[in-house]
Amino acid sequence: MYDAGVASDSGLKTIAMQRVNGSARVAFAVSGGTTRLTDLYQSGAAKIRLPKVYDLPRTAVLINTAGGLTGGDRLSYEVDLAEGAHAIVTSQTAERAYQSVSGSAKVTSLLTAGKDAVLEWLPQETILFNRSGLSRSLRAELESNARFLMLETVVLGRKAMGERVNSVFFRDSWRIRRNGKLVFADDFRLEGNAEQILAGPATAREGQAVATLVDCTPDALDRLALARSCLDNLAAGTVRAAASAWNGLLTVRFVSDDSRDLRNALITFLTGYRSADLPRVWHC
């Protein structure tokens, strides 16, 4: 896609590429004992779909109709759960960051959960292609004893296609606050030759797919045994994982050199840990 040409320093006319600029928000509240939609807004390439579900909490599916991200693209999402509401936010498919001519794509997410609310942020994986640039930030604001369960997965290229990622820029920044107090901060930065950076034993030991789960809940310590039990139940394969809990937070880190193995492990873990099936888009 492109718009009108612009003059370069050399006097030659070049093509100014069209960029994605989208935003979407969704809100839920309890009415009549049921979580119901109270607000929905979408513009540009950022869309939200609300499938009918009968055996799961209310589910919002994020869609980037541009089909991927590249340098200069902008997407923003907002999710708000009022007191006592329970909802799952996921994505239609894997997000893809493609080769960038210049700059990075930027994606921001603002999530809020009121007292006794349960917000599950469970998007499918993000695939970083060679020479891609992506900067993401996620901010969650929790009230009182709200629970926030989030997962993010990053895959470097498609192994089955023989793709290699030897030049990339990726920045992921998370901030979670409860009653205005910062309780969790995590920053991930990958710049340069990803294969070399992730080859060391202190990084990913040549793993090309990584995932982090955070369960921000007052009873996190009580959930640690369950999390480790679910990890023990994972099928033997290339996935390595470990769980820890402290001060109302439980985290699990996963790494694998095969994205399919990691995806299968995440489905098994999340189903067992949550005692519930994942949204159907995870199985399409």
C-alpha atoms as a PDB file:
ATOM      1  CA  MET A   1       0.000   0.000   0.000  1.00  0.00           C
ATOM      2  CA  TYR A   2       1.223   3.517  -0.706  1.00  0.00           C
ATOM      3  CA  ASP A   3       0.191   7.112  -1.064  1.00  0.00           C
ATOM      4  CA  ALA A   4       1.572  10.037  -3.033  1.00  0.00           C
ATOM      5  CA  GLY A   5       5.272  10.186  -3.797  1.00  0.00           C
ATOM      6  CA  VAL A   6       7.606  12.574  -2.007  1.00  0.00           C
ATOM      7  CA  ALA A   7      10.853  14.147  -3.157  1.00  0.00           C
ATOM      8  CA  SER A   8      14.101  12.779  -1.748  1.00  0.00           C
ATOM      9  CA  ASP A   9      17.335  14.722  -1.146  1.00  0.00           C
ATOM     10  CA  SER A  10      18.570  13.542  -4.530  1.00  0.00           C
ATOM     11  CA  GLY A  11      15.572  15.076  -6.248  1.00  0.00           C
ATOM     12  CA  LEU A  12      14.175  11.703  -7.231  1.00  0.00           C
ATOM     13  CA  LYS A  13      10.598  10.910  -6.376  1.00  0.00           C
ATOM     14  CA  THR A  14      10.168   8.090  -3.868  1.00  0.00           C
ATOM     15  CA  ILE A  15       7.105   6.304  -2.579  1.00  0.00           C
ATOM     16  CA  ALA A  16       5.805   7.196   0.890  1.00  0.00           C
ATOM     17  CA  MET A  17       4.451   3.940   2.289  1.00  0.00           C
ATOM     18  CA  GLN A  18       1.070   3.913   3.989  1.00  0.00           C
ATOM     19  CA  ARG A  19       1.227   2.879   7.645  1.00  0.00           C
ATOM     20  CA  VAL A  20      -1.240   1.264   9.993  1.00  0.00           C
ATOM     21  CA  ASN A  21      -2.803   3.477  12.651  1.00  0.00           C
ATOM     22  CA  GLY A  22      -5.495   1.744  14.673  1.00  0.00           C
ATOM     23  CA  SER A  23      -7.007   1.776  18.136  1.00  0.00           C
ATOM     24  CA  ALA A  24      -9.656  -0.280  19.898  1.00  0.00           C
ATOM     25  CA  ARG A  25     -11.185  -0.498  23.350  1.00  0.00           C
ATOM     26  CA  VAL A  26     -13.640  -2.759  25.088  1.00  0.00           C
ATOM     27  CA  ALA A  27     -15.239  -2.652  28.531  1.00  0.00           C
ATOM     28  CA  PHE A  28     -17.267  -5.103  30.592  1.00  0.00           C
ATOM     29  CA  ALA A  29     -19.346  -4.801  33.765  1.00  0.00           C
ATOM     30  CA  VAL A  30     -21.557  -7.098  35.810  1.00  0.00           C
ATOM     31  CA  SER A  31     -25.303  -6.719  35.314  1.00  0.00           C
ATOM     32  CA  GLY A  32     -27.887  -9.167  36.576  1.00  0.00           C
ATOM     33  CA  GLY A  33     -25.135 -11.442  37.842  1.00  0.00           C
ATOM     34  CA  THR A  34     -23.550 -11.723  34.365  1.00  0.00           C
ATOM     35  CA  THR A  35     -20.549 -10.012  32.778  1.00  0.00           C
ATOM     36  CA  ARG A  36     -21.855  -7.862  29.940  1.00  0.00           C
ATOM     37  CA  LEU A  37     -20.387  -5.566  27.315  1.00  0.00           C
ATOM     38  CA  THR A  38     -20.606  -1.870  28.230  1.00  0.00           C
ATOM     39  CA  ASP A  39     -18.355  -0.204  25.650  1.00  0.00           C
ATOM     40  CA  LEU A  40     -16.837  -1.075  22.284  1.00  0.00           C
ATOM     41  CA  TYR A  41     -14.803   1.189  20.012  1.00  0.00           C
ATOM     42  CA  GLN A  42     -12.548   0.406  17.069  1.00  0.00           C
ATOM     43  CA  SER A  43     -10.815   2.373  14.350  1.00  0.00           C
ATOM     44  CA  GLY A  44      -8.329   1.678  11.590  1.00  0.00           C
ATOM     45  CA  ALA A  45      -6.847  -1.804  11.458  1.00  0.00           C
ATOM     46  CA  ALA A  46      -7.525  -2.539  15.145  1.00  0.00           C
ATOM     47  CA  LYS A  47     -10.711  -4.572  15.511  1.00  0.00           C
ATOM     48  CA  ILE A  48     -12.381  -6.497  18.331  1.00  0.00           C
ATOM     49  CA  ARG A  49     -14.790  -9.377  17.884  1.00  0.00           C
ATOM     50  CA  LEU A  50     -17.003 -10.813  20.618  1.00  0.00           C
ATOM     51  CA  PRO A  51     -17.824 -14.453  19.811  1.00  0.00           C
ATOM     52  CA  LYS A  52     -20.740 -16.162  21.495  1.00  0.00           C
ATOM     53  CA  VAL A  53     -19.404 -18.435  24.214  1.00  0.00           C
ATOM     54  CA  TYR A  54     -21.375 -20.696  26.487  1.00  0.00           C
ATOM     55  CA  ASP A  55     -18.704 -22.492  28.519  1.00  0.00           C
ATOM     56  CA  LEU A  56     -16.170 -19.665  28.971  1.00  0.00           C
ATOM     57  CA  PRO A  57     -16.156 -16.136  30.424  1.00  0.00           C
ATOM     58  CA  ARG A  58     -16.913 -13.282  28.033  1.00  0.00           C
ATOM     59  CA  THR A  59     -14.222 -13.305  25.358  1.00  0.00           C
ATOM     60  CA  ALA A  60     -12.824 -10.449  23.272  1.00  0.00           C
ATOM     61  CA  VAL A  61     -10.739 -11.327  20.204  1.00  0.00           C
ATOM     62  CA  LEU A  62      -8.238  -8.726  18.965  1.00  0.00           C
ATOM     63  CA  ILE A  63      -7.693  -8.532  15.204  1.00  0.00           C
ATOM     64  CA  ASN A  64      -5.151  -6.562  13.191  1.00  0.00           C
ATOM     65  CA  THR A  65      -6.771  -6.426   9.757  1.00  0.00           C
ATOM     66  CA  ALA A  66      -3.502  -5.193   8.217  1.00  0.00           C
ATOM     67  CA  GLY A  67      -2.202  -8.756   8.538  1.00  0.00           C
ATOM     68  CA  GLY A  68       0.985  -7.810  10.351  1.00  0.00           C
ATOM     69  CA  LEU A  69       3.214  -4.961  11.522  1.00  0.00           C
ATOM     70  CA  THR A  70       6.168  -3.095  10.092  1.00  0.00           C
ATOM     71  CA  GLY A  71       8.103   0.083  10.843  1.00  0.00           C
ATOM     72  CA  GLY A  72       5.877   3.107  11.437  1.00  0.00           C
ATOM     73  CA  ASP A  73       2.711   1.154  12.261  1.00  0.00           C
ATOM     74  CA  ARG A  74       0.783   2.115  15.420  1.00  0.00           C
ATOM     75  CA  LEU A  75      -1.787   0.073  17.302  1.00  0.00           C
ATOM     76  CA  SER A  76      -3.329   0.729  20.705  1.00  0.00           C
ATOM     77  CA  TYR A  77      -5.727  -1.343  22.794  1.00  0.00           C
ATOM     78  CA  GLU A  78      -7.688  -0.595  25.957  1.00  0.00           C
ATOM     79  CA  VAL A  79      -9.564  -3.100  28.124  1.00  0.00           C
ATOM     80  CA  ASP A  80     -11.585  -2.178  31.203  1.00  0.00           C
ATOM     81  CA  LEU A  81     -13.297  -4.567  33.625  1.00  0.00           C
ATOM     82  CA  ALA A  82     -15.599  -3.124  36.257  1.00  0.00           C
ATOM     83  CA  GLU A  83     -16.041  -4.623  39.732  1.00  0.00           C
ATOM     84  CA  GLY A  84     -16.624  -8.389  39.697  1.00  0.00           C
ATOM     85  CA  ALA A  85     -16.395  -8.803  35.916  1.00  0.00           C
ATOM     86  CA  HIS A  86     -14.512 -11.718  34.309  1.00  0.00           C
ATOM     87  CA  ALA A  87     -13.284 -11.659  30.723  1.00  0.00           C
ATOM     88  CA  ILE A  88     -10.661 -13.203  28.457  1.00  0.00           C
ATOM     89  CA  VAL A  89      -8.823 -11.139  25.855  1.00  0.00           C
ATOM     90  CA  THR A  90      -7.037 -13.085  23.134  1.00  0.00           C
ATOM     91  CA  SER A  91      -6.038 -12.649  19.481  1.00  0.00           C
ATOM     92  CA  GLN A  92      -7.413 -14.161  16.298  1.00  0.00           C
ATOM     93  CA  THR A  93      -4.050 -15.576  15.269  1.00  0.00           C
ATOM     94  CA  ALA A  94      -0.337 -14.980  15.690  1.00  0.00           C
ATOM     95  CA  GLU A  95       0.780 -11.358  15.264  1.00  0.00           C
ATOM     96  CA  ARG A  96       3.620 -10.934  12.768  1.00  0.00           C
ATOM     97  CA  ALA A  97       6.336  -8.289  12.705  1.00  0.00           C
ATOM     98  CA  TYR A  98       7.726  -8.093   9.178  1.00  0.00           C
ATOM     99  CA  GLN A  99      10.912  -6.584   7.779  1.00  0.00           C
ATOM    100  CA  SER A 100      11.006  -2.851   8.400  1.00  0.00           C
ATOM    101  CA  VAL A 101      12.340  -0.294   5.927  1.00  0.00           C
ATOM    102  CA  SER A 102      12.816   2.194   8.767  1.00  0.00           C
ATOM    103  CA  GLY A 103      11.783   2.584  12.389  1.00  0.00           C
ATOM    104  CA  SER A 104       9.715   0.217  14.500  1.00  0.00           C
ATOM    105  CA  ALA A 105       6.071  -0.641  14.855  1.00  0.00           C
ATOM    106  CA  LYS A 106       4.566   0.405  18.185  1.00  0.00           C
ATOM    107  CA  VAL A 107       1.816  -1.397  20.081  1.00  0.00           C
ATOM    108  CA  THR A 108       0.448  -0.145  23.405  1.00  0.00           C
ATOM    109  CA  SER A 109      -2.047  -1.798  25.737  1.00  0.00           C
ATOM    110  CA  LEU A 110      -3.807  -0.266  28.747  1.00  0.00           C
ATOM    111  CA  LEU A 111      -5.697  -2.728  30.940  1.00  0.00           C
ATOM    112  CA  THR A 112      -7.756  -1.973  34.057  1.00  0.00           C
ATOM    113  CA  ALA A 113      -9.549  -4.318  36.429  1.00  0.00           C
ATOM    114  CA  GLY A 114     -11.826  -3.271  39.288  1.00  0.00           C
ATOM    115  CA  LYS A 115     -12.388  -4.905  42.649  1.00  0.00           C
ATOM    116  CA  ASP A 116     -12.952  -8.701  42.433  1.00  0.00           C
ATOM    117  CA  ALA A 117     -12.539  -8.613  38.638  1.00  0.00           C
ATOM    118  CA  VAL A 118     -10.625 -11.300  36.727  1.00  0.00           C
ATOM    119  CA  LEU A 119      -8.863 -10.257  33.523  1.00  0.00           C
ATOM    120  CA  GLU A 120      -7.119 -12.925  31.431  1.00  0.00           C
ATOM    121  CA  TRP A 121      -4.810 -11.516  28.760  1.00  0.00           C
ATOM    122  CA  LEU A 122      -3.994 -14.514  26.544  1.00  0.00           C
ATOM    123  CA  PRO A 123      -2.973 -13.449  23.023  1.00  0.00           C
ATOM    124  CA  GLN A 124      -1.403 -15.957  20.672  1.00  0.00           C
ATOM    125  CA  GLU A 125       2.271 -15.720  19.790  1.00  0.00           C
ATOM    126  CA  THR A 126       4.126 -12.840  18.131  1.00  0.00           C
ATOM    127  CA  ILE A 127       6.446 -13.880  15.291  1.00  0.00           C
ATOM    128  CA  LEU A 128       9.484 -11.678  14.655  1.00  0.00           C
ATOM    129  CA  PHE A 129      10.834 -11.920  11.127  1.00  0.00           C
ATOM    130  CA  ASN A 130      14.351 -11.012  10.076  1.00  0.00           C
ATOM    131  CA  ARG A 131      15.029  -7.250  10.062  1.00  0.00           C
ATOM    132  CA  SER A 132      11.784  -6.506  11.857  1.00  0.00           C
ATOM    133  CA  GLY A 133      11.323  -3.766  14.441  1.00  0.00           C
ATOM    134  CA  LEU A 134       8.673  -3.813  17.161  1.00  0.00           C
ATOM    135  CA  SER A 135       8.259  -1.878  20.392  1.00  0.00           C
ATOM    136  CA  ARG A 136       5.442  -2.859  22.763  1.00  0.00           C
ATOM    137  CA  SER A 137       4.274  -1.575  26.114  1.00  0.00           C
ATOM    138  CA  LEU A 138       1.615  -2.965  28.425  1.00  0.00           C
ATOM    139  CA  ARG A 139       0.254  -1.211  31.497  1.00  0.00           C
ATOM    140  CA  ALA A 140      -2.202  -2.865  33.883  1.00  0.00           C
ATOM    141  CA  GLU A 141      -3.994  -1.034  36.701  1.00  0.00           C
ATOM    142  CA  LEU A 142      -5.605  -3.314  39.293  1.00  0.00           C
ATOM    143  CA  GLU A 143      -7.877  -2.415  42.181  1.00  0.00           C
ATOM    144  CA  SER A 144      -7.998  -4.177  45.536  1.00  0.00           C
ATOM    145  CA  ASN A 145      -8.004  -7.963  45.022  1.00  0.00           C
ATOM    146  CA  ALA A 146      -8.502  -8.036  41.246  1.00  0.00           C
ATOM    147  CA  ARG A 147      -6.734 -10.875  39.456  1.00  0.00           C
ATOM    148  CA  PHE A 148      -4.709 -10.346  36.287  1.00  0.00           C
ATOM    149  CA  LEU A 149      -3.404 -13.366  34.376  1.00  0.00           C
ATOM    150  CA  MET A 150      -1.271 -12.569  31.338  1.00  0.00           C
ATOM    151  CA  LEU A 151       0.778 -14.480  28.797  1.00  0.00           C
ATOM    152  CA  GLU A 152       3.036 -13.275  26.002  1.00  0.00           C
ATOM    153  CA  THR A 153       4.911 -15.517  23.556  1.00  0.00           C
ATOM    154  CA  VAL A 154       7.635 -14.496  21.117  1.00  0.00           C
ATOM    155  CA  VAL A 155       8.884 -16.649  18.227  1.00  0.00           C
ATOM    156  CA  LEU A 156      11.917 -15.839  16.094  1.00  0.00           C
ATOM    157  CA  GLY A 157      11.035 -16.691  12.507  1.00  0.00           C
ATOM    158  CA  ARG A 158       9.443 -19.891  11.258  1.00  0.00           C
ATOM    159  CA  LYS A 159      11.708 -22.859  11.790  1.00  0.00           C
ATOM    160  CA  ALA A 160       9.778 -25.074   9.386  1.00  0.00           C
ATOM    161  CA  MET A 161      10.466 -22.532   6.616  1.00  0.00           C
ATOM    162  CA  GLY A 162      14.170 -22.430   7.379  1.00  0.00           C
ATOM    163  CA  GLU A 163      13.988 -18.785   8.390  1.00  0.00           C
ATOM    164  CA  ARG A 164      16.770 -17.227  10.443  1.00  0.00           C
ATOM    165  CA  VAL A 165      16.691 -14.000  12.411  1.00  0.00           C
ATOM    166  CA  ASN A 166      20.137 -12.406  12.434  1.00  0.00           C
ATOM    167  CA  SER A 167      18.957  -8.800  12.660  1.00  0.00           C
ATOM    168  CA  VAL A 168      16.025  -7.626  14.759  1.00  0.00           C
ATOM    169  CA  PHE A 169      14.839  -4.967  17.170  1.00  0.00           C
ATOM    170  CA  PHE A 170      12.284  -5.932  19.794  1.00  0.00           C
ATOM    171  CA  ARG A 171      11.357  -4.108  22.983  1.00  0.00           C
ATOM    172  CA  ASP A 172       8.647  -5.272  25.392  1.00  0.00           C
ATOM    173  CA  SER A 173       7.854  -3.312  28.555  1.00  0.00           C
ATOM    174  CA  TRP A 174       5.318  -4.390  31.213  1.00  0.00           C
ATOM    175  CA  ARG A 175       4.136  -2.450  34.249  1.00  0.00           C
ATOM    176  CA  ILE A 176       1.501  -3.772  36.649  1.00  0.00           C
ATOM    177  CA  ARG A 177       0.143  -1.649  39.510  1.00  0.00           C
ATOM    178  CA  ARG A 178      -2.242  -2.549  42.290  1.00  0.00           C
ATOM    179  CA  ASN A 179      -4.051   0.350  43.958  1.00  0.00           C
ATOM    180  CA  GLY A 180      -1.584   2.655  42.235  1.00  0.00           C
ATOM    181  CA  LYS A 181       1.513   0.871  43.590  1.00  0.00           C
ATOM    182  CA  LEU A 182       3.951  -0.745  41.195  1.00  0.00           C
ATOM    183  CA  VAL A 183       4.029  -4.504  41.879  1.00  0.00           C
ATOM    184  CA  PHE A 184       5.643  -5.889  38.730  1.00  0.00           C
ATOM    185  CA  ALA A 185       7.975  -4.469  36.081  1.00  0.00           C
ATOM    186  CA  ASP A 186       9.574  -6.415  33.272  1.00  0.00           C
ATOM    187  CA  ASP A 187      11.569  -5.195  30.272  1.00  0.00           C
ATOM    188  CA  PHE A 188      12.770  -7.353  27.407  1.00  0.00           C
ATOM    189  CA  ARG A 189      15.081  -5.953  24.747  1.00  0.00           C
ATOM    190  CA  LEU A 190      16.485  -7.818  21.789  1.00  0.00           C
ATOM    191  CA  GLU A 191      18.629  -5.891  19.318  1.00  0.00           C
ATOM    192  CA  GLY A 192      21.035  -7.261  16.755  1.00  0.00           C
ATOM    193  CA  ASN A 193      21.713 -10.881  15.883  1.00  0.00           C
ATOM    194  CA  ALA A 194      19.008 -12.738  17.796  1.00  0.00           C
ATOM    195  CA  GLU A 195      20.529 -16.146  17.222  1.00  0.00           C
ATOM    196  CA  GLN A 196      23.796 -15.098  18.840  1.00  0.00           C
ATOM    197  CA  ILE A 197      22.143 -13.210  21.684  1.00  0.00           C
ATOM    198  CA  LEU A 198      19.914 -16.146  22.631  1.00  0.00           C
ATOM    199  CA  ALA A 199      22.634 -18.783  22.244  1.00  0.00           C
ATOM    200  CA  GLY A 200      24.151 -18.323  25.699  1.00  0.00           C
ATOM    201  CA  PRO A 201      23.182 -20.374  28.764  1.00  0.00           C
ATOM    202  CA  ALA A 202      22.140 -17.193  30.584  1.00  0.00           C
ATOM    203  CA  THR A 203      19.720 -16.171  27.811  1.00  0.00           C
ATOM    204  CA  ALA A 204      17.849 -18.960  26.001  1.00  0.00           C
ATOM    205  CA  ARG A 205      20.461 -21.621  25.292  1.00  0.00           C
ATOM    206  CA  GLU A 206      19.675 -21.435  21.551  1.00  0.00           C
ATOM    207  CA  GLY A 207      15.944 -21.407  22.143  1.00  0.00           C
ATOM    208  CA  GLN A 208      14.032 -19.574  19.414  1.00  0.00           C
ATOM    209  CA  ALA A 209      10.655 -19.368  21.145  1.00  0.00           C
ATOM    210  CA  VAL A 210      10.034 -17.896  24.592  1.00  0.00           C
ATOM    211  CA  ALA A 211       6.976 -17.190  26.718  1.00  0.00           C
ATOM    212  CA  THR A 212       6.271 -15.530  30.046  1.00  0.00           C
ATOM    213  CA  LEU A 213       3.179 -15.999  32.176  1.00  0.00           C
ATOM    214  CA  VAL A 214       2.366 -13.670  35.064  1.00  0.00           C
ATOM    215  CA  ASP A 215      -0.474 -14.311  37.493  1.00  0.00           C
ATOM    216  CA  CYS A 216      -0.992 -11.223  39.626  1.00  0.00           C
ATOM    217  CA  THR A 217      -3.288 -12.448  42.387  1.00  0.00           C
ATOM    218  CA  PRO A 218      -3.304 -12.188  46.199  1.00  0.00           C
ATOM    219  CA  ASP A 219      -3.128 -16.004  46.549  1.00  0.00           C
ATOM    220  CA  ALA A 220      -0.157 -16.442  44.206  1.00  0.00           C
ATOM    221  CA  LEU A 221       1.897 -18.411  46.728  1.00  0.00           C
ATOM    222  CA  ASP A 222      -0.948 -20.898  47.148  1.00  0.00           C
ATOM    223  CA  ARG A 223      -1.006 -21.450  43.378  1.00  0.00           C
ATOM    224  CA  LEU A 224       2.690 -22.261  43.052  1.00  0.00           C
ATOM    225  CA  ALA A 225       2.281 -25.980  43.757  1.00  0.00           C
ATOM    226  CA  LEU A 226      -0.418 -26.190  41.079  1.00  0.00           C
ATOM    227  CA  ALA A 227       1.761 -24.375  38.550  1.00  0.00           C
ATOM    228  CA  ARG A 228       4.699 -26.701  39.142  1.00  0.00           C
ATOM    229  CA  SER A 229       2.421 -29.721  38.961  1.00  0.00           C
ATOM    230  CA  CYS A 230       1.152 -28.546  35.571  1.00  0.00           C
ATOM    231  CA  LEU A 231       4.733 -28.128  34.388  1.00  0.00           C
ATOM    232  CA  ASP A 232       5.517 -31.678  35.507  1.00  0.00           C
ATOM    233  CA  ASN A 233       2.640 -32.880  33.323  1.00  0.00           C
ATOM    234  CA  LEU A 234       4.087 -31.414  30.126  1.00  0.00           C
ATOM    235  CA  ALA A 235       5.044 -33.937  27.493  1.00  0.00           C
ATOM    236  CA  ALA A 236       8.753 -34.638  27.114  1.00  0.00           C
ATOM    237  CA  GLY A 237      10.195 -32.418  24.410  1.00  0.00           C
ATOM    238  CA  THR A 238      12.236 -29.308  23.823  1.00  0.00           C
ATOM    239  CA  VAL A 239      10.398 -27.051  26.288  1.00  0.00           C
ATOM    240  CA  ARG A 240      12.150 -25.901  29.454  1.00  0.00           C
ATOM    241  CA  ALA A 241      10.168 -24.014  32.097  1.00  0.00           C
ATOM    242  CA  ALA A 242      10.222 -22.944  35.735  1.00  0.00           C
ATOM    243  CA  ALA A 243       7.791 -21.224  38.095  1.00  0.00           C
ATOM    244  CA  SER A 244       8.207 -18.955  41.114  1.00  0.00           C
ATOM    245  CA  ALA A 245       5.918 -16.895  43.346  1.00  0.00           C
ATOM    246  CA  TRP A 246       6.288 -14.000  45.779  1.00  0.00           C
ATOM    247  CA  ASN A 247       4.324 -11.003  47.087  1.00  0.00           C
ATOM    248  CA  GLY A 248       1.100 -11.696  45.214  1.00  0.00           C
ATOM    249  CA  LEU A 249       2.812 -12.624  41.948  1.00  0.00           C
ATOM    250  CA  LEU A 250       3.395 -15.935  40.206  1.00  0.00           C
ATOM    251  CA  THR A 251       5.583 -16.114  37.115  1.00  0.00           C
ATOM    252  CA  VAL A 252       6.438 -18.931  34.730  1.00  0.00           C
ATOM    253  CA  ARG A 253       9.120 -18.678  32.058  1.00  0.00           C
ATOM    254  CA  PHE A 254       9.143 -21.025  29.056  1.00  0.00           C
ATOM    255  CA  VAL A 255      11.788 -21.498  26.378  1.00  0.00           C
ATOM    256  CA  SER A 256      12.067 -23.904  23.451  1.00  0.00           C
ATOM    257  CA  ASP A 257      13.870 -24.264  20.148  1.00  0.00           C
ATOM    258  CA  ASP A 258      10.594 -25.341  18.513  1.00  0.00           C
ATOM    259  CA  SER A 259       7.575 -23.018  18.458  1.00  0.00           C
ATOM    260  CA  ARG A 260       5.122 -25.895  17.931  1.00  0.00           C
ATOM    261  CA  ASP A 261       6.429 -27.682  21.020  1.00  0.00           C
ATOM    262  CA  LEU A 262       6.088 -24.454  22.993  1.00  0.00           C
ATOM    263  CA  ARG A 263       2.554 -23.806  21.774  1.00  0.00           C
ATOM    264  CA  ASN A 264       1.451 -27.332  22.691  1.00  0.00           C
ATOM    265  CA  ALA A 265       3.058 -26.962  26.110  1.00  0.00           C
ATOM    266  CA  LEU A 266       1.307 -23.640  26.704  1.00  0.00           C
ATOM    267  CA  ILE A 267      -2.079 -25.094  25.783  1.00  0.00           C
ATOM    268  CA  THR A 268      -1.537 -27.997  28.166  1.00  0.00           C
ATOM    269  CA  PHE A 269      -0.280 -25.760  30.958  1.00  0.00           C
ATOM    270  CA  LEU A 270      -2.957 -23.088  30.642  1.00  0.00           C
ATOM    271  CA  THR A 271      -5.772 -25.629  30.467  1.00  0.00           C
ATOM    272  CA  GLY A 272      -4.546 -27.349  33.616  1.00  0.00           C
ATOM    273  CA  TYR A 273      -3.559 -24.239  35.548  1.00  0.00           C
ATOM    274  CA  ARG A 274      -6.810 -22.423  34.777  1.00  0.00           C
ATOM    275  CA  SER A 275      -8.961 -25.583  35.017  1.00  0.00           C
ATOM    276  CA  ALA A 276     -10.679 -24.395  31.846  1.00  0.00           C
ATOM    277  CA  ASP A 277     -10.352 -24.652  28.089  1.00  0.00           C
ATOM    278  CA  LEU A 278      -8.734 -21.907  26.059  1.00  0.00           C
ATOM    279  CA  PRO A 279     -10.772 -19.831  23.591  1.00  0.00           C
ATOM    280  CA  ARG A 280     -11.472 -21.680  20.341  1.00  0.00           C
ATOM    281  CA  VAL A 281      -9.200 -19.399  18.286  1.00  0.00           C
ATOM    282  CA  TRP A 282      -6.262 -21.077  20.005  1.00  0.00           C
ATOM    283  CA  HIS A 283      -7.212 -24.355  18.302  1.00  0.00           C
ATOM    284  CA  CYS A 284      -7.962 -23.065  14.792  1.00  0.00           C
END
